PDB file of N, CA and C in Angstrom:
ATOM      1  N   UNK A   1      10.687  -1.047   9.837  1.00  0.00           N
ATOM      2  CA  UNK A   1       9.941  -2.192   9.346  1.00  0.00           C
ATOM      3  C   UNK A   1      10.326  -2.442   7.897  1.00  0.00           C
ATOM      4  N   UNK A   2      10.548  -3.688   7.558  1.00  0.00           N
ATOM      5  CA  UNK A   2      10.883  -4.042   6.191  1.00  0.00           C
ATOM      6  C   UNK A   2       9.753  -4.857   5.598  1.00  0.00           C
ATOM      7  N   UNK A   3       9.617  -4.750   4.320  1.00  0.00           N
ATOM      8  CA  UNK A   3       8.595  -5.507   3.608  1.00  0.00           C
ATOM      9  C   UNK A   3       9.298  -6.554   2.754  1.00  0.00           C
ATOM     10  N   UNK A   4       8.624  -7.664   2.525  1.00  0.00           N
ATOM     11  CA  UNK A   4       9.218  -8.699   1.692  1.00  0.00           C
ATOM     12  C   UNK A   4       8.394  -8.891   0.437  1.00  0.00           C
ATOM     13  N   UNK A   5       9.070  -9.150  -0.647  1.00  0.00           N
ATOM     14  CA  UNK A   5       8.413  -9.537  -1.881  1.00  0.00           C
ATOM     15  C   UNK A   5       9.044 -10.850  -2.286  1.00  0.00           C
ATOM     16  N   UNK A   6       8.237 -11.896  -2.317  1.00  0.00           N
ATOM     17  CA  UNK A   6       8.714 -13.265  -2.535  1.00  0.00           C
ATOM     18  C   UNK A   6       9.769 -13.578  -1.481  1.00  0.00           C
ATOM     19  N   UNK A   7      11.017 -13.799  -1.869  1.00  0.00           N
ATOM     20  CA  UNK A   7      12.045 -14.109  -0.881  1.00  0.00           C
ATOM     21  C   UNK A   7      13.038 -12.975  -0.709  1.00  0.00           C
ATOM     22  N   UNK A   8      12.826 -11.875  -1.398  1.00  0.00           N
ATOM     23  CA  UNK A   8      13.748 -10.747  -1.326  1.00  0.00           C
ATOM     24  C   UNK A   8      13.260  -9.743  -0.292  1.00  0.00           C
ATOM     25  N   UNK A   9      14.143  -9.336   0.600  1.00  0.00           N
ATOM     26  CA  UNK A   9      13.808  -8.314   1.585  1.00  0.00           C
ATOM     27  C   UNK A   9      14.214  -6.968   1.003  1.00  0.00           C
ATOM     28  N   UNK A  10      13.267  -6.037   1.006  1.00  0.00           N
ATOM     29  CA  UNK A  10      13.550  -4.706   0.480  1.00  0.00           C
ATOM     30  C   UNK A  10      13.302  -3.684   1.574  1.00  0.00           C
ATOM     31  N   UNK A  11      14.043  -2.597   1.525  1.00  0.00           N
ATOM     32  CA  UNK A  11      13.831  -1.520   2.485  1.00  0.00           C
ATOM     33  C   UNK A  11      12.452  -0.921   2.249  1.00  0.00           C
ATOM     34  N   UNK A  12      11.863  -0.393   3.294  1.00  0.00           N
ATOM     35  CA  UNK A  12      10.523   0.160   3.187  1.00  0.00           C
ATOM     36  C   UNK A  12      10.517   1.353   2.239  1.00  0.00           C
ATOM     37  N   UNK A  13       9.629   1.285   1.281  1.00  0.00           N
ATOM     38  CA  UNK A  13       9.419   2.399   0.372  1.00  0.00           C
ATOM     39  C   UNK A  13       8.233   3.188   0.884  1.00  0.00           C
ATOM     40  N   UNK A  14       8.257   4.470   0.694  1.00  0.00           N
ATOM     41  CA  UNK A  14       7.146   5.292   1.143  1.00  0.00           C
ATOM     42  C   UNK A  14       6.072   5.389   0.070  1.00  0.00           C
ATOM     43  N   UNK A  15       6.470   5.439  -1.194  1.00  0.00           N
ATOM     44  CA  UNK A  15       5.534   5.585  -2.299  1.00  0.00           C
ATOM     45  C   UNK A  15       5.684   4.417  -3.264  1.00  0.00           C
ATOM     46  N   UNK A  16       4.559   3.807  -3.623  1.00  0.00           N
ATOM     47  CA  UNK A  16       4.580   2.686  -4.564  1.00  0.00           C
ATOM     48  C   UNK A  16       3.440   2.837  -5.564  1.00  0.00           C
ATOM     49  N   UNK A  17       3.559   2.139  -6.663  1.00  0.00           N
ATOM     50  CA  UNK A  17       2.471   2.075  -7.639  1.00  0.00           C
ATOM     51  C   UNK A  17       1.520   0.953  -7.232  1.00  0.00           C
ATOM     52  N   UNK A  18       0.360   0.920  -7.874  1.00  0.00           N
ATOM     53  CA  UNK A  18      -0.667  -0.053  -7.498  1.00  0.00           C
ATOM     54  C   UNK A  18      -0.163  -1.501  -7.554  1.00  0.00           C
ATOM     55  N   UNK A  19       0.471  -1.885  -8.640  1.00  0.00           N
ATOM     56  CA  UNK A  19       0.897  -3.280  -8.786  1.00  0.00           C
ATOM     57  C   UNK A  19       1.886  -3.692  -7.710  1.00  0.00           C
ATOM     58  N   UNK A  20       2.844  -2.826  -7.436  1.00  0.00           N
ATOM     59  CA  UNK A  20       3.849  -3.135  -6.418  1.00  0.00           C
ATOM     60  C   UNK A  20       3.218  -3.218  -5.031  1.00  0.00           C
ATOM     61  N   UNK A  21       2.325  -2.293  -4.725  1.00  0.00           N
ATOM     62  CA  UNK A  21       1.656  -2.298  -3.427  1.00  0.00           C
ATOM     63  C   UNK A  21       0.795  -3.528  -3.231  1.00  0.00           C
ATOM     64  N   UNK A  22       0.071  -3.910  -4.267  1.00  0.00           N
ATOM     65  CA  UNK A  22      -0.771  -5.103  -4.176  1.00  0.00           C
ATOM     66  C   UNK A  22       0.079  -6.340  -3.913  1.00  0.00           C
ATOM     67  N   UNK A  23       1.225  -6.407  -4.550  1.00  0.00           N
ATOM     68  CA  UNK A  23       2.123  -7.535  -4.341  1.00  0.00           C
ATOM     69  C   UNK A  23       2.695  -7.510  -2.921  1.00  0.00           C
ATOM     70  N   UNK A  24       3.048  -6.334  -2.430  1.00  0.00           N
ATOM     71  CA  UNK A  24       3.618  -6.210  -1.089  1.00  0.00           C
ATOM     72  C   UNK A  24       2.636  -6.654  -0.012  1.00  0.00           C
ATOM     73  N   UNK A  25       1.359  -6.346  -0.195  1.00  0.00           N
ATOM     74  CA  UNK A  25       0.343  -6.665   0.805  1.00  0.00           C
ATOM     75  C   UNK A  25      -0.391  -7.970   0.511  1.00  0.00           C
ATOM     76  N   UNK A  26      -0.003  -8.642  -0.553  1.00  0.00           N
ATOM     77  CA  UNK A  26      -0.597  -9.932  -0.938  1.00  0.00           C
ATOM     78  C   UNK A  26      -2.112  -9.839  -1.101  1.00  0.00           C
ATOM     79  N   UNK A  27      -2.549  -8.786  -1.768  1.00  0.00           N
ATOM     80  CA  UNK A  27      -3.964  -8.629  -2.089  1.00  0.00           C
ATOM     81  C   UNK A  27      -4.071  -8.273  -3.564  1.00  0.00           C
ATOM     82  N   UNK A  28      -5.259  -8.366  -4.095  1.00  0.00           N
ATOM     83  CA  UNK A  28      -5.471  -8.046  -5.498  1.00  0.00           C
ATOM     84  C   UNK A  28      -5.254  -6.568  -5.789  1.00  0.00           C
ATOM     85  N   UNK A  29      -4.931  -6.285  -7.046  1.00  0.00           N
ATOM     86  CA  UNK A  29      -4.663  -4.900  -7.449  1.00  0.00           C
ATOM     87  C   UNK A  29      -5.884  -4.008  -7.250  1.00  0.00           C
ATOM     88  N   UNK A  30      -7.056  -4.496  -7.635  1.00  0.00           N
ATOM     89  CA  UNK A  30      -8.269  -3.685  -7.498  1.00  0.00           C
ATOM     90  C   UNK A  30      -8.606  -3.412  -6.036  1.00  0.00           C
ATOM     91  N   UNK A  31      -8.410  -4.406  -5.176  1.00  0.00           N
ATOM     92  CA  UNK A  31      -8.672  -4.221  -3.745  1.00  0.00           C
ATOM     93  C   UNK A  31      -7.689  -3.218  -3.151  1.00  0.00           C
ATOM     94  N   UNK A  32      -6.415  -3.320  -3.534  1.00  0.00           N
ATOM     95  CA  UNK A  32      -5.408  -2.373  -3.055  1.00  0.00           C
ATOM     96  C   UNK A  32      -5.749  -0.961  -3.519  1.00  0.00           C
ATOM     97  N   UNK A  33      -6.163  -0.846  -4.763  1.00  0.00           N
ATOM     98  CA  UNK A  33      -6.523   0.451  -5.327  1.00  0.00           C
ATOM     99  C   UNK A  33      -7.699   1.062  -4.564  1.00  0.00           C
ATOM    100  N   UNK A  34      -8.715   0.268  -4.267  1.00  0.00           N
ATOM    101  CA  UNK A  34      -9.883   0.772  -3.548  1.00  0.00           C
ATOM    102  C   UNK A  34      -9.531   1.166  -2.116  1.00  0.00           C
ATOM    103  N   UNK A  35      -8.735   0.343  -1.439  1.00  0.00           N
ATOM    104  CA  UNK A  35      -8.323   0.676  -0.074  1.00  0.00           C
ATOM    105  C   UNK A  35      -7.488   1.956  -0.055  1.00  0.00           C
ATOM    106  N   UNK A  36      -6.617   2.123  -1.035  1.00  0.00           N
ATOM    107  CA  UNK A  36      -5.790   3.328  -1.117  1.00  0.00           C
ATOM    108  C   UNK A  36      -6.658   4.567  -1.319  1.00  0.00           C
ATOM    109  N   UNK A  37      -7.681   4.442  -2.144  1.00  0.00           N
ATOM    110  CA  UNK A  37      -8.603   5.567  -2.351  1.00  0.00           C
ATOM    111  C   UNK A  37      -9.359   5.879  -1.067  1.00  0.00           C
ATOM    112  N   UNK A  38      -9.845   4.845  -0.393  1.00  0.00           N
ATOM    113  CA  UNK A  38     -10.577   5.041   0.857  1.00  0.00           C
ATOM    114  C   UNK A  38      -9.695   5.687   1.927  1.00  0.00           C
ATOM    115  N   UNK A  39      -8.403   5.369   1.890  1.00  0.00           N
ATOM    116  CA  UNK A  39      -7.456   5.906   2.871  1.00  0.00           C
ATOM    117  C   UNK A  39      -6.990   7.315   2.521  1.00  0.00           C
ATOM    118  N   UNK A  40      -7.354   7.796   1.343  1.00  0.00           N
ATOM    119  CA  UNK A  40      -6.881   9.096   0.847  1.00  0.00           C
ATOM    120  C   UNK A  40      -5.352   9.111   0.796  1.00  0.00           C
ATOM    121  N   UNK A  41      -4.785   8.008   0.313  1.00  0.00           N
ATOM    122  CA  UNK A  41      -3.334   7.848   0.262  1.00  0.00           C
ATOM    123  C   UNK A  41      -2.787   7.953  -1.158  1.00  0.00           C
ATOM    124  N   UNK A  42      -3.591   8.454  -2.085  1.00  0.00           N
ATOM    125  CA  UNK A  42      -3.192   8.493  -3.488  1.00  0.00           C
ATOM    126  C   UNK A  42      -2.587   9.846  -3.847  1.00  0.00           C
ATOM    127  N   UNK A  43      -1.470   9.778  -4.558  1.00  0.00           N
ATOM    128  CA  UNK A  43      -0.818  10.970  -5.102  1.00  0.00           C
ATOM    129  C   UNK A  43      -0.781  10.821  -6.613  1.00  0.00           C
ATOM    130  N   UNK A  44      -1.215  11.832  -7.334  1.00  0.00           N
ATOM    131  CA  UNK A  44      -1.164  11.805  -8.790  1.00  0.00           C
ATOM    132  C   UNK A  44      -0.154  12.838  -9.253  1.00  0.00           C
ATOM    133  N   UNK A  45       0.834  12.365  -9.979  1.00  0.00           N
ATOM    134  CA  UNK A  45       1.869  13.232 -10.525  1.00  0.00           C
ATOM    135  C   UNK A  45       1.843  13.020 -12.032  1.00  0.00           C
ATOM    136  N   UNK A  46       1.224  13.940 -12.726  1.00  0.00           N
ATOM    137  CA  UNK A  46       1.040  13.742 -14.162  1.00  0.00           C
ATOM    138  C   UNK A  46       0.153  12.532 -14.379  1.00  0.00           C
ATOM    139  N   UNK A  47       0.662  11.560 -15.123  1.00  0.00           N
ATOM    140  CA  UNK A  47      -0.092  10.333 -15.375  1.00  0.00           C
ATOM    141  C   UNK A  47       0.317   9.201 -14.439  1.00  0.00           C
ATOM    142  N   UNK A  48       1.199   9.483 -13.507  1.00  0.00           N
ATOM    143  CA  UNK A  48       1.668   8.465 -12.564  1.00  0.00           C
ATOM    144  C   UNK A  48       0.836   8.540 -11.289  1.00  0.00           C
ATOM    145  N   UNK A  49       0.377   7.395 -10.826  1.00  0.00           N
ATOM    146  CA  UNK A  49      -0.379   7.325  -9.575  1.00  0.00           C
ATOM    147  C   UNK A  49       0.465   6.572  -8.559  1.00  0.00           C
ATOM    148  N   UNK A  50       0.685   7.198  -7.404  1.00  0.00           N
ATOM    149  CA  UNK A  50       1.464   6.586  -6.336  1.00  0.00           C
ATOM    150  C   UNK A  50       0.618   6.505  -5.073  1.00  0.00           C
ATOM    151  N   UNK A  51       0.919   5.520  -4.241  1.00  0.00           N
ATOM    152  CA  UNK A  51       0.220   5.346  -2.973  1.00  0.00           C
ATOM    153  C   UNK A  51       1.213   5.592  -1.848  1.00  0.00           C
ATOM    154  N   UNK A  52       0.839   6.462  -0.923  1.00  0.00           N
ATOM    155  CA  UNK A  52       1.663   6.761   0.251  1.00  0.00           C
ATOM    156  C   UNK A  52       1.420   5.656   1.281  1.00  0.00           C
ATOM    157  N   UNK A  53       2.430   4.823   1.508  1.00  0.00           N
ATOM    158  CA  UNK A  53       2.268   3.669   2.393  1.00  0.00           C
ATOM    159  C   UNK A  53       2.156   4.050   3.861  1.00  0.00           C
ATOM    160  N   UNK A  54       2.683   5.191   4.252  1.00  0.00           N
ATOM    161  CA  UNK A  54       2.528   5.627   5.642  1.00  0.00           C
ATOM    162  C   UNK A  54       1.052   5.864   5.953  1.00  0.00           C
ATOM    163  N   UNK A  55       0.371   6.555   5.067  1.00  0.00           N
ATOM    164  CA  UNK A  55      -1.060   6.818   5.242  1.00  0.00           C
ATOM    165  C   UNK A  55      -1.851   5.519   5.103  1.00  0.00           C
ATOM    166  N   UNK A  56      -1.479   4.699   4.126  1.00  0.00           N
ATOM    167  CA  UNK A  56      -2.165   3.436   3.881  1.00  0.00           C
ATOM    168  C   UNK A  56      -2.075   2.515   5.098  1.00  0.00           C
ATOM    169  N   UNK A  57      -0.892   2.411   5.704  1.00  0.00           N
ATOM    170  CA  UNK A  57      -0.714   1.562   6.883  1.00  0.00           C
ATOM    171  C   UNK A  57      -1.566   2.036   8.058  1.00  0.00           C
ATOM    172  N   UNK A  58      -1.627   3.344   8.258  1.00  0.00           N
ATOM    173  CA  UNK A  58      -2.458   3.883   9.345  1.00  0.00           C
ATOM    174  C   UNK A  58      -3.924   3.539   9.118  1.00  0.00           C
ATOM    175  N   UNK A  59      -4.356   3.614   7.866  1.00  0.00           N
ATOM    176  CA  UNK A  59      -5.739   3.276   7.539  1.00  0.00           C
ATOM    177  C   UNK A  59      -6.009   1.795   7.800  1.00  0.00           C
ATOM    178  N   UNK A  60      -5.077   0.933   7.420  1.00  0.00           N
ATOM    179  CA  UNK A  60      -5.267  -0.504   7.644  1.00  0.00           C
ATOM    180  C   UNK A  60      -5.379  -0.837   9.126  1.00  0.00           C
ATOM    181  N   UNK A  61      -4.681  -0.106   9.962  1.00  0.00           N
ATOM    182  CA  UNK A  61      -4.739  -0.355  11.404  1.00  0.00           C
ATOM    183  C   UNK A  61      -6.142  -0.139  11.968  1.00  0.00           C
ATOM    184  N   UNK A  62      -6.971   0.640  11.292  1.00  0.00           N
ATOM    185  CA  UNK A  62      -8.338   0.859  11.776  1.00  0.00           C
ATOM    186  C   UNK A  62      -9.188  -0.405  11.657  1.00  0.00           C
ATOM    187  N   UNK A  63      -8.714  -1.391  10.896  1.00  0.00           N
ATOM    188  CA  UNK A  63      -9.446  -2.640  10.722  1.00  0.00           C
ATOM    189  C   UNK A  63      -9.019  -3.714  11.716  1.00  0.00           C
ATOM    190  N   UNK A  64      -8.045  -3.407  12.565  1.00  0.00           N
ATOM    191  CA  UNK A  64      -7.544  -4.394  13.525  1.00  0.00           C
ATOM    192  C   UNK A  64      -8.662  -4.790  14.488  1.00  0.00           C
ATOM    193  N   UNK A  65      -8.776  -6.083  14.729  1.00  0.00           N
ATOM    194  CA  UNK A  65      -9.795  -6.614  15.633  1.00  0.00           C
ATOM    195  C   UNK A  65      -9.170  -6.800  17.008  1.00  0.00           C
ATOM    196  N   UNK A  66      -9.779  -6.202  18.008  1.00  0.00           N
ATOM    197  CA  UNK A  66      -9.307  -6.340  19.389  1.00  0.00           C
ATOM    198  C   UNK A  66      -9.870  -7.623  19.978  1.00  0.00           C
ATOM    199  N   UNK A  67      -9.086  -8.282  20.793  1.00  0.00           N
ATOM    200  CA  UNK A  67      -9.558  -9.520  21.437  1.00  0.00           C
ATOM    201  C   UNK A  67     -10.022  -9.247  22.824  1.00  0.00           C
TER     202      UNK A  67
END
């Protein structure tokens, strides 16, 4: 699966920072940050905070509405 940012197609990254992730999912930074925390997808390395998109994607799937 590939993600797009604006018109550029980029290979799937596993770890992203808050700003990049919010842009990838087209949601606000604060909302992305809260969802990442709820998903337990946050990695802290020193002062750098990264979000594991594999875990984040699995968490988002729990919100899927069945028809």
